PDB file of N, CA and C in Angstrom:
ATOM      1  N   MET A   1     229.752 -59.224  52.017  1.00  0.00           N
ATOM      2  CA  MET A   1     228.549 -58.904  51.227  1.00  0.00           C
ATOM      3  C   MET A   1     228.553 -57.412  50.894  1.00  0.00           C
ATOM      4  N   PRO A   2     228.587 -57.098  49.615  1.00  0.00           N
ATOM      5  CA  PRO A   2     228.663 -55.664  49.259  1.00  0.00           C
ATOM      6  C   PRO A   2     227.378 -54.926  49.618  1.00  0.00           C
ATOM      7  N   ASP A   3     227.555 -53.674  49.984  1.00  0.00           N
ATOM      8  CA  ASP A   3     226.395 -52.855  50.356  1.00  0.00           C
ATOM      9  C   ASP A   3     225.801 -52.272  49.082  1.00  0.00           C
ATOM     10  N   THR A   4     224.601 -52.748  48.714  1.00  0.00           N
ATOM     11  CA  THR A   4     223.990 -52.283  47.467  1.00  0.00           C
ATOM     12  C   THR A   4     223.162 -51.015  47.687  1.00  0.00           C
ATOM     13  N   HIS A   5     222.865 -50.705  48.932  1.00  0.00           N
ATOM     14  CA  HIS A   5     222.062 -49.500  49.186  1.00  0.00           C
ATOM     15  C   HIS A   5     222.981 -48.278  49.284  1.00  0.00           C
ATOM     16  N   PRO A   6     222.601 -47.182  48.673  1.00  0.00           N
ATOM     17  CA  PRO A   6     223.427 -45.968  48.802  1.00  0.00           C
ATOM     18  C   PRO A   6     223.392 -45.455  50.245  1.00  0.00           C
ATOM     19  N   ASN A   7     224.435 -44.764  50.601  1.00  0.00           N
ATOM     20  CA  ASN A   7     224.485 -44.227  51.958  1.00  0.00           C
ATOM     21  C   ASN A   7     223.375 -43.194  52.146  1.00  0.00           C
ATOM     22  N   PRO A   8     222.737 -43.186  53.298  1.00  0.00           N
ATOM     23  CA  PRO A   8     221.695 -42.179  53.536  1.00  0.00           C
ATOM     24  C   PRO A   8     222.318 -40.792  53.615  1.00  0.00           C
ATOM     25  N   PRO A   9     221.549 -39.777  53.272  1.00  0.00           N
ATOM     26  CA  PRO A   9     222.114 -38.417  53.339  1.00  0.00           C
ATOM     27  C   PRO A   9     222.463 -38.071  54.784  1.00  0.00           C
ATOM     28  N   PRO A  10     223.487 -37.278  54.983  1.00  0.00           N
ATOM     29  CA  PRO A  10     223.866 -36.933  56.357  1.00  0.00           C
ATOM     30  C   PRO A  10     222.769 -36.108  57.017  1.00  0.00           C
ATOM     31  N   PRO A  11     222.588 -36.248  58.311  1.00  0.00           N
ATOM     32  CA  PRO A  11     221.554 -35.464  58.994  1.00  0.00           C
ATOM     33  C   PRO A  11     221.897 -33.983  58.950  1.00  0.00           C
ATOM     34  N   PRO A  12     220.892 -33.126  58.949  1.00  0.00           N
ATOM     35  CA  PRO A  12     221.182 -31.684  58.922  1.00  0.00           C
ATOM     36  C   PRO A  12     221.920 -31.278  60.191  1.00  0.00           C
ATOM     37  N   PRO A  13     222.806 -30.310  60.100  1.00  0.00           N
ATOM     38  CA  PRO A  13     223.556 -29.906  61.301  1.00  0.00           C
ATOM     39  C   PRO A  13     222.627 -29.323  62.345  1.00  0.00           C
ATOM     40  N   LYS A  14     222.864 -29.686  63.594  1.00  0.00           N
ATOM     41  CA  LYS A  14     222.019 -29.161  64.671  1.00  0.00           C
ATOM     42  C   LYS A  14     222.368 -27.689  64.921  1.00  0.00           C
ATOM     43  N   PRO A  15     221.362 -26.876  65.204  1.00  0.00           N
ATOM     44  CA  PRO A  15     221.669 -25.478  65.556  1.00  0.00           C
ATOM     45  C   PRO A  15     222.408 -25.439  66.885  1.00  0.00           C
ATOM     46  N   PRO A  16     223.299 -24.488  67.062  1.00  0.00           N
ATOM     47  CA  PRO A  16     224.040 -24.429  68.331  1.00  0.00           C
ATOM     48  C   PRO A  16     223.095 -24.182  69.494  1.00  0.00           C
ATOM     49  N   GLU A  17     223.290 -24.927  70.569  1.00  0.00           N
ATOM     50  CA  GLU A  17     222.412 -24.751  71.726  1.00  0.00           C
ATOM     51  C   GLU A  17     222.761 -23.444  72.440  1.00  0.00           C
ATOM     52  N   PRO A  18     221.741 -22.695  72.870  1.00  0.00           N
ATOM     53  CA  PRO A  18     222.028 -21.451  73.597  1.00  0.00           C
ATOM     54  C   PRO A  18     222.698 -21.760  74.931  1.00  0.00           C
ATOM     55  N   GLU A  19     223.664 -20.932  75.300  1.00  0.00           N
ATOM     56  CA  GLU A  19     224.346 -21.175  76.571  1.00  0.00           C
ATOM     57  C   GLU A  19     223.405 -20.867  77.725  1.00  0.00           C
ATOM     58  N   PRO A  20     223.422 -21.692  78.762  1.00  0.00           N
ATOM     59  CA  PRO A  20     222.550 -21.410  79.912  1.00  0.00           C
ATOM     60  C   PRO A  20     222.998 -20.131  80.603  1.00  0.00           C
ATOM     61  N   PRO A  21     222.058 -19.388  81.180  1.00  0.00           N
ATOM     62  CA  PRO A  21     222.446 -18.147  81.870  1.00  0.00           C
ATOM     63  C   PRO A  21     223.365 -18.459  83.041  1.00  0.00           C
ATOM     64  N   LEU A  22     224.357 -17.614  83.228  1.00  0.00           N
ATOM     65  CA  LEU A  22     225.297 -17.844  84.322  1.00  0.00           C
ATOM     66  C   LEU A  22     224.635 -17.516  85.652  1.00  0.00           C
ATOM     67  N   ASP A  23     224.885 -18.364  86.631  1.00  0.00           N
ATOM     68  CA  ASP A  23     224.339 -18.091  87.963  1.00  0.00           C
ATOM     69  C   ASP A  23     225.069 -16.896  88.572  1.00  0.00           C
ATOM     70  N   PRO A  24     224.358 -16.086  89.355  1.00  0.00           N
ATOM     71  CA  PRO A  24     225.037 -14.953  90.002  1.00  0.00           C
ATOM     72  C   PRO A  24     226.096 -15.472  90.965  1.00  0.00           C
ATOM     73  N   PRO A  25     227.191 -14.752  91.112  1.00  0.00           N
ATOM     74  CA  PRO A  25     228.243 -15.213  92.033  1.00  0.00           C
ATOM     75  C   PRO A  25     227.699 -15.374  93.447  1.00  0.00           C
ATOM     76  N   VAL A  26     228.179 -16.394  94.149  1.00  0.00           N
ATOM     77  CA  VAL A  26     227.704 -16.626  95.514  1.00  0.00           C
ATOM     78  C   VAL A  26     228.190 -15.493  96.413  1.00  0.00           C
ATOM     79  N   GLY A  27     227.285 -14.992  97.254  1.00  0.00           N
ATOM     80  CA  GLY A  27     227.669 -13.943  98.186  1.00  0.00           C
ATOM     81  C   GLY A  27     227.436 -12.546  97.640  1.00  0.00           C
ATOM     82  N   LYS A  28     227.107 -12.439  96.343  1.00  0.00           N
ATOM     83  CA  LYS A  28     226.850 -11.103  95.784  1.00  0.00           C
ATOM     84  C   LYS A  28     225.376 -10.773  95.967  1.00  0.00           C
ATOM     85  N   PRO A  29     225.057  -9.671  96.630  1.00  0.00           N
ATOM     86  CA  PRO A  29     223.649  -9.335  96.854  1.00  0.00           C
ATOM     87  C   PRO A  29     222.982  -8.932  95.552  1.00  0.00           C
ATOM     88  N   PRO A  30     221.677  -9.095  95.450  1.00  0.00           N
ATOM     89  CA  PRO A  30     220.967  -8.670  94.246  1.00  0.00           C
ATOM     90  C   PRO A  30     221.049  -7.158  94.107  1.00  0.00           C
ATOM     91  N   PRO A  31     220.942  -6.649  92.882  1.00  0.00           N
ATOM     92  CA  PRO A  31     221.023  -5.189  92.690  1.00  0.00           C
ATOM     93  C   PRO A  31     219.900  -4.485  93.433  1.00  0.00           C
ATOM     94  N   LEU A  32     220.244  -3.402  94.110  1.00  0.00           N
ATOM     95  CA  LEU A  32     219.238  -2.655  94.865  1.00  0.00           C
ATOM     96  C   LEU A  32     218.420  -1.790  93.910  1.00  0.00           C
ATOM     97  N   PRO A  33     217.146  -1.575  94.226  1.00  0.00           N
ATOM     98  CA  PRO A  33     216.337  -0.686  93.389  1.00  0.00           C
ATOM     99  C   PRO A  33     216.878   0.733  93.464  1.00  0.00           C
ATOM    100  N   LYS A  34     216.677   1.485  92.386  1.00  0.00           N
ATOM    101  CA  LYS A  34     217.169   2.863  92.371  1.00  0.00           C
ATOM    102  C   LYS A  34     216.436   3.687  93.432  1.00  0.00           C
ATOM    103  N   PRO A  35     217.173   4.486  94.196  1.00  0.00           N
ATOM    104  CA  PRO A  35     216.514   5.300  95.221  1.00  0.00           C
ATOM    105  C   PRO A  35     215.616   6.350  94.595  1.00  0.00           C
ATOM    106  N   GLY A  36     214.555   6.722  95.335  1.00  0.00           N
ATOM    107  CA  GLY A  36     213.682   7.788  94.851  1.00  0.00           C
ATOM    108  C   GLY A  36     212.464   7.257  94.128  1.00  0.00           C
ATOM    109  N   GLY A  37     212.479   5.978  93.742  1.00  0.00           N
ATOM    110  CA  GLY A  37     211.327   5.438  93.017  1.00  0.00           C
ATOM    111  C   GLY A  37     210.447   4.625  93.945  1.00  0.00           C
ATOM    112  N   PRO A  38     209.207   4.412  93.559  1.00  0.00           N
ATOM    113  CA  PRO A  38     208.312   3.594  94.385  1.00  0.00           C
ATOM    114  C   PRO A  38     208.782   2.142  94.397  1.00  0.00           C
ATOM    115  N   ILE A  39     208.610   1.475  95.520  1.00  0.00           N
ATOM    116  CA  ILE A  39     209.044   0.082  95.631  1.00  0.00           C
ATOM    117  C   ILE A  39     207.909  -0.822  95.155  1.00  0.00           C
ATOM    118  N   PRO A  40     208.157  -1.658  94.135  1.00  0.00           N
ATOM    119  CA  PRO A  40     207.096  -2.567  93.660  1.00  0.00           C
ATOM    120  C   PRO A  40     206.689  -3.549  94.748  1.00  0.00           C
ATOM    121  N   GLU A  41     205.454  -4.012  94.687  1.00  0.00           N
ATOM    122  CA  GLU A  41     204.956  -4.963  95.687  1.00  0.00           C
ATOM    123  C   GLU A  41     205.808  -6.233  95.697  1.00  0.00           C
ATOM    124  N   ALA A  42     206.226  -6.683  94.516  1.00  0.00           N
ATOM    125  CA  ALA A  42     206.994  -7.925  94.436  1.00  0.00           C
ATOM    126  C   ALA A  42     208.324  -7.768  95.164  1.00  0.00           C
ATOM    127  N   ASP A  43     208.980  -6.626  94.972  1.00  0.00           N
ATOM    128  CA  ASP A  43     210.269  -6.421  95.632  1.00  0.00           C
ATOM    129  C   ASP A  43     210.079  -6.229  97.135  1.00  0.00           C
ATOM    130  N   ARG A  44     208.994  -5.583  97.517  1.00  0.00           N
ATOM    131  CA  ARG A  44     208.778  -5.329  98.936  1.00  0.00           C
ATOM    132  C   ARG A  44     208.405  -6.629  99.653  1.00  0.00           C
ATOM    133  N   ALA A  45     207.733  -7.551  98.935  1.00  0.00           N
ATOM    134  CA  ALA A  45     207.314  -8.814  99.551  1.00  0.00           C
ATOM    135  C   ALA A  45     208.535  -9.658  99.892  1.00  0.00           C
ATOM    136  N   GLN A  46     209.584  -9.516  99.129  1.00  0.00           N
ATOM    137  CA  GLN A  46     210.797 -10.260  99.432  1.00  0.00           C
ATOM    138  C   GLN A  46     211.538  -9.536 100.529  1.00  0.00           C
TER     139      GLN A  46
END
């Protein structure tokens, strides 16, 4: 049976997905705050 309907237009191309942030390497400590500055409450609480 011949297809009498025209082909639907192709879907618009999807935008590239942003790459997920890389996890910090295991065993690497977080960067230390710069010496001489006040320690924020959030950093001190940890």
